[in-house]
Amino acid sequence: MKTAIEINRMGYEALMNALGFDGTIRFLRQFDPGKGDYTTERHQRLNKITLEEIFTDIEANDSADRLRSELPVATAD
């Protein structure tokens, strides 16, 4: 059975082989834990908005989407 260190080394090697150095760095940066407490901040934001406001926003977005879909599409002649 491989140790955690061996698996980690093999993983980095696989990333480097598949993505190269820059691609590996870009891939690993996606997993930055960030800052703050997402759950607490989310609850604070959501406690400031009512269900009626959420439904109004959804209806407004649906209306805007419908209007955009009805616009003529420009074609290259």
N, C-alpha and C. Protein backbone atom coordinates (compact mmCIF):
# COMPACT_ATOMS: atom_id res chain seq x y z
N MET A 1 0.85 -1.17 0.00
CA MET A 1 0.00 0.00 0.00
C MET A 1 0.90 1.25 0.00
N LYS A 2 0.55 2.20 -0.84
CA LYS A 2 1.33 3.43 -0.95
C LYS A 2 1.03 4.36 0.22
N THR A 3 2.04 5.09 0.63
CA THR A 3 1.84 6.07 1.71
C THR A 3 1.20 7.33 1.13
N ALA A 4 0.70 8.19 2.01
CA ALA A 4 0.10 9.46 1.58
C ALA A 4 1.13 10.30 0.84
N ILE A 5 2.36 10.27 1.29
CA ILE A 5 3.42 11.06 0.64
C ILE A 5 3.67 10.54 -0.78
N GLU A 6 3.69 9.22 -0.95
CA GLU A 6 3.90 8.65 -2.29
C GLU A 6 2.74 9.00 -3.22
N ILE A 7 1.54 8.91 -2.72
CA ILE A 7 0.36 9.24 -3.54
C ILE A 7 0.40 10.72 -3.92
N ASN A 8 0.75 11.56 -2.97
CA ASN A 8 0.85 13.00 -3.24
C ASN A 8 1.89 13.26 -4.33
N ARG A 9 3.07 12.65 -4.21
CA ARG A 9 4.14 12.83 -5.20
C ARG A 9 3.69 12.34 -6.57
N MET A 10 3.03 11.19 -6.62
CA MET A 10 2.56 10.64 -7.89
C MET A 10 1.49 11.54 -8.50
N GLY A 11 0.64 12.09 -7.66
CA GLY A 11 -0.39 13.00 -8.15
C GLY A 11 0.21 14.24 -8.80
N TYR A 12 1.20 14.84 -8.11
CA TYR A 12 1.87 16.01 -8.68
C TYR A 12 2.57 15.67 -9.99
N GLU A 13 3.20 14.51 -10.04
CA GLU A 13 3.87 14.08 -11.28
C GLU A 13 2.86 13.92 -12.41
N ALA A 14 1.71 13.31 -12.11
CA ALA A 14 0.68 13.12 -13.13
C ALA A 14 0.17 14.47 -13.64
N LEU A 15 -0.05 15.39 -12.72
CA LEU A 15 -0.49 16.74 -13.12
C LEU A 15 0.56 17.41 -14.00
N MET A 16 1.81 17.34 -13.58
CA MET A 16 2.88 17.97 -14.35
C MET A 16 2.99 17.36 -15.75
N ASN A 17 2.87 16.04 -15.83
CA ASN A 17 2.95 15.37 -17.14
C ASN A 17 1.78 15.75 -18.03
N ALA A 18 0.60 15.86 -17.45
CA ALA A 18 -0.59 16.14 -18.25
C ALA A 18 -0.77 17.62 -18.56
N LEU A 19 -0.40 18.49 -17.60
CA LEU A 19 -0.72 19.92 -17.75
C LEU A 19 0.49 20.82 -17.88
N GLY A 20 1.67 20.32 -17.59
CA GLY A 20 2.85 21.17 -17.57
C GLY A 20 2.86 22.00 -16.29
N PHE A 21 3.94 22.76 -16.10
CA PHE A 21 4.09 23.52 -14.86
C PHE A 21 2.99 24.56 -14.69
N ASP A 22 2.79 25.42 -15.71
CA ASP A 22 1.78 26.48 -15.60
C ASP A 22 0.38 25.92 -15.39
N GLY A 23 0.04 24.88 -16.14
CA GLY A 23 -1.28 24.27 -16.01
C GLY A 23 -1.48 23.66 -14.63
N THR A 24 -0.44 23.04 -14.10
CA THR A 24 -0.54 22.46 -12.76
C THR A 24 -0.79 23.53 -11.72
N ILE A 25 -0.06 24.63 -11.80
CA ILE A 25 -0.26 25.73 -10.86
C ILE A 25 -1.67 26.28 -10.99
N ARG A 26 -2.15 26.52 -12.21
CA ARG A 26 -3.51 27.02 -12.40
C ARG A 26 -4.55 26.06 -11.83
N PHE A 27 -4.33 24.76 -12.04
CA PHE A 27 -5.26 23.76 -11.52
C PHE A 27 -5.28 23.79 -9.99
N LEU A 28 -4.12 23.80 -9.38
CA LEU A 28 -4.05 23.77 -7.91
C LEU A 28 -4.62 25.03 -7.28
N ARG A 29 -4.52 26.15 -7.95
CA ARG A 29 -5.06 27.41 -7.40
C ARG A 29 -6.58 27.37 -7.29
N GLN A 30 -7.24 26.50 -8.01
CA GLN A 30 -8.69 26.38 -7.93
C GLN A 30 -9.15 25.91 -6.56
N PHE A 31 -8.25 25.30 -5.81
CA PHE A 31 -8.61 24.68 -4.54
C PHE A 31 -8.17 25.50 -3.34
N ASP A 32 -7.98 26.80 -3.54
CA ASP A 32 -7.64 27.70 -2.45
C ASP A 32 -8.82 27.75 -1.48
N PRO A 33 -8.59 27.54 -0.20
CA PRO A 33 -9.71 27.54 0.75
C PRO A 33 -10.37 28.90 0.94
N GLY A 34 -9.74 29.96 0.49
CA GLY A 34 -10.35 31.28 0.60
C GLY A 34 -10.30 31.80 2.02
N LYS A 35 -11.11 32.83 2.26
CA LYS A 35 -11.12 33.47 3.57
C LYS A 35 -12.55 33.61 4.05
N GLY A 36 -12.71 33.74 5.36
CA GLY A 36 -14.03 33.98 5.91
C GLY A 36 -14.80 32.69 6.16
N ASP A 37 -16.03 32.87 6.57
CA ASP A 37 -16.92 31.76 6.88
C ASP A 37 -18.12 31.84 5.94
N TYR A 38 -18.07 31.06 4.86
CA TYR A 38 -19.09 31.13 3.82
C TYR A 38 -20.49 30.92 4.39
N THR A 39 -20.65 29.93 5.26
CA THR A 39 -21.97 29.61 5.78
C THR A 39 -22.56 30.77 6.57
N THR A 40 -21.77 31.36 7.45
CA THR A 40 -22.25 32.50 8.23
C THR A 40 -22.58 33.68 7.33
N GLU A 41 -21.69 33.98 6.39
CA GLU A 41 -21.92 35.11 5.48
C GLU A 41 -23.15 34.88 4.62
N ARG A 42 -23.37 33.65 4.18
CA ARG A 42 -24.55 33.33 3.37
C ARG A 42 -25.83 33.54 4.17
N HIS A 43 -25.84 33.08 5.39
CA HIS A 43 -27.02 33.26 6.24
C HIS A 43 -27.28 34.75 6.49
N GLN A 44 -26.23 35.52 6.68
CA GLN A 44 -26.40 36.96 6.91
C GLN A 44 -27.02 37.62 5.68
N ARG A 45 -26.56 37.24 4.48
CA ARG A 45 -27.11 37.81 3.25
C ARG A 45 -28.55 37.38 3.05
N LEU A 46 -28.82 36.10 3.25
CA LEU A 46 -30.16 35.58 2.99
C LEU A 46 -31.18 36.06 4.02
N ASN A 47 -30.74 36.37 5.21
CA ASN A 47 -31.66 36.88 6.23
C ASN A 47 -32.16 38.28 5.89
N LYS A 48 -31.50 38.96 4.95
CA LYS A 48 -31.88 40.32 4.58
C LYS A 48 -32.84 40.36 3.40
N ILE A 49 -33.19 39.22 2.85
CA ILE A 49 -34.04 39.19 1.66
C ILE A 49 -35.25 38.29 1.93
N THR A 50 -36.39 38.71 1.40
CA THR A 50 -37.62 37.94 1.61
C THR A 50 -37.85 36.99 0.43
N LEU A 51 -38.71 36.01 0.63
CA LEU A 51 -39.07 35.11 -0.46
C LEU A 51 -39.74 35.89 -1.60
N GLU A 52 -40.53 36.88 -1.24
CA GLU A 52 -41.19 37.69 -2.27
C GLU A 52 -40.16 38.39 -3.17
N GLU A 53 -39.08 38.89 -2.57
CA GLU A 53 -38.02 39.52 -3.37
C GLU A 53 -37.33 38.50 -4.27
N ILE A 54 -37.12 37.31 -3.77
CA ILE A 54 -36.50 36.26 -4.57
C ILE A 54 -37.38 35.92 -5.77
N PHE A 55 -38.69 35.73 -5.51
CA PHE A 55 -39.61 35.40 -6.60
C PHE A 55 -39.70 36.53 -7.62
N THR A 56 -39.69 37.78 -7.14
CA THR A 56 -39.72 38.93 -8.05
C THR A 56 -38.49 38.94 -8.94
N ASP A 57 -37.32 38.66 -8.37
CA ASP A 57 -36.09 38.60 -9.16
C ASP A 57 -36.14 37.48 -10.19
N ILE A 58 -36.67 36.33 -9.80
CA ILE A 58 -36.77 35.20 -10.73
C ILE A 58 -37.69 35.56 -11.89
N GLU A 59 -38.84 36.17 -11.58
CA GLU A 59 -39.77 36.57 -12.64
C GLU A 59 -39.15 37.61 -13.56
N ALA A 60 -38.40 38.55 -13.00
CA ALA A 60 -37.75 39.57 -13.83
C ALA A 60 -36.71 38.94 -14.75
N ASN A 61 -35.96 37.98 -14.24
CA ASN A 61 -34.96 37.29 -15.07
C ASN A 61 -35.63 36.47 -16.15
N ASP A 62 -36.74 35.80 -15.82
CA ASP A 62 -37.47 35.04 -16.82
C ASP A 62 -37.98 35.95 -17.93
N SER A 63 -38.51 37.12 -17.56
CA SER A 63 -39.02 38.07 -18.55
C SER A 63 -37.89 38.56 -19.44
N ALA A 64 -36.75 38.88 -18.84
CA ALA A 64 -35.61 39.36 -19.62
C ALA A 64 -35.12 38.27 -20.57
N ASP A 65 -35.08 37.02 -20.10
CA ASP A 65 -34.66 35.91 -20.97
C ASP A 65 -35.62 35.75 -22.15
N ARG A 66 -36.92 35.87 -21.88
CA ARG A 66 -37.91 35.75 -22.96
C ARG A 66 -37.72 36.86 -23.98
N LEU A 67 -37.49 38.09 -23.50
CA LEU A 67 -37.29 39.21 -24.43
C LEU A 67 -36.04 39.00 -25.28
N ARG A 68 -34.97 38.52 -24.65
CA ARG A 68 -33.74 38.28 -25.41
C ARG A 68 -33.94 37.20 -26.45
N SER A 69 -34.71 36.19 -26.14
CA SER A 69 -34.91 35.10 -27.10
C SER A 69 -35.77 35.54 -28.28
N GLU A 70 -36.51 36.62 -28.11
CA GLU A 70 -37.37 37.11 -29.19
C GLU A 70 -36.65 38.11 -30.10
N LEU A 71 -35.45 38.55 -29.72
CA LEU A 71 -34.70 39.49 -30.55
C LEU A 71 -34.23 38.80 -31.81
N PRO A 72 -34.22 39.54 -32.92
CA PRO A 72 -33.70 38.93 -34.16
C PRO A 72 -32.20 38.68 -34.04
N VAL A 73 -31.76 37.63 -34.66
CA VAL A 73 -30.34 37.27 -34.64
C VAL A 73 -29.68 37.86 -35.88
N ALA A 74 -28.59 38.60 -35.66
CA ALA A 74 -27.86 39.20 -36.77
C ALA A 74 -27.11 38.10 -37.52
N THR A 75 -27.15 38.17 -38.83
CA THR A 75 -26.43 37.20 -39.64
C THR A 75 -25.41 37.93 -40.49
N ALA A 76 -24.32 37.27 -40.76
CA ALA A 76 -23.28 37.85 -41.61
C ALA A 76 -23.64 37.58 -43.07
N ASP A 77 -23.71 38.62 -43.84
CA ASP A 77 -24.03 38.45 -45.28
C ASP A 77 -22.82 38.54 -46.13
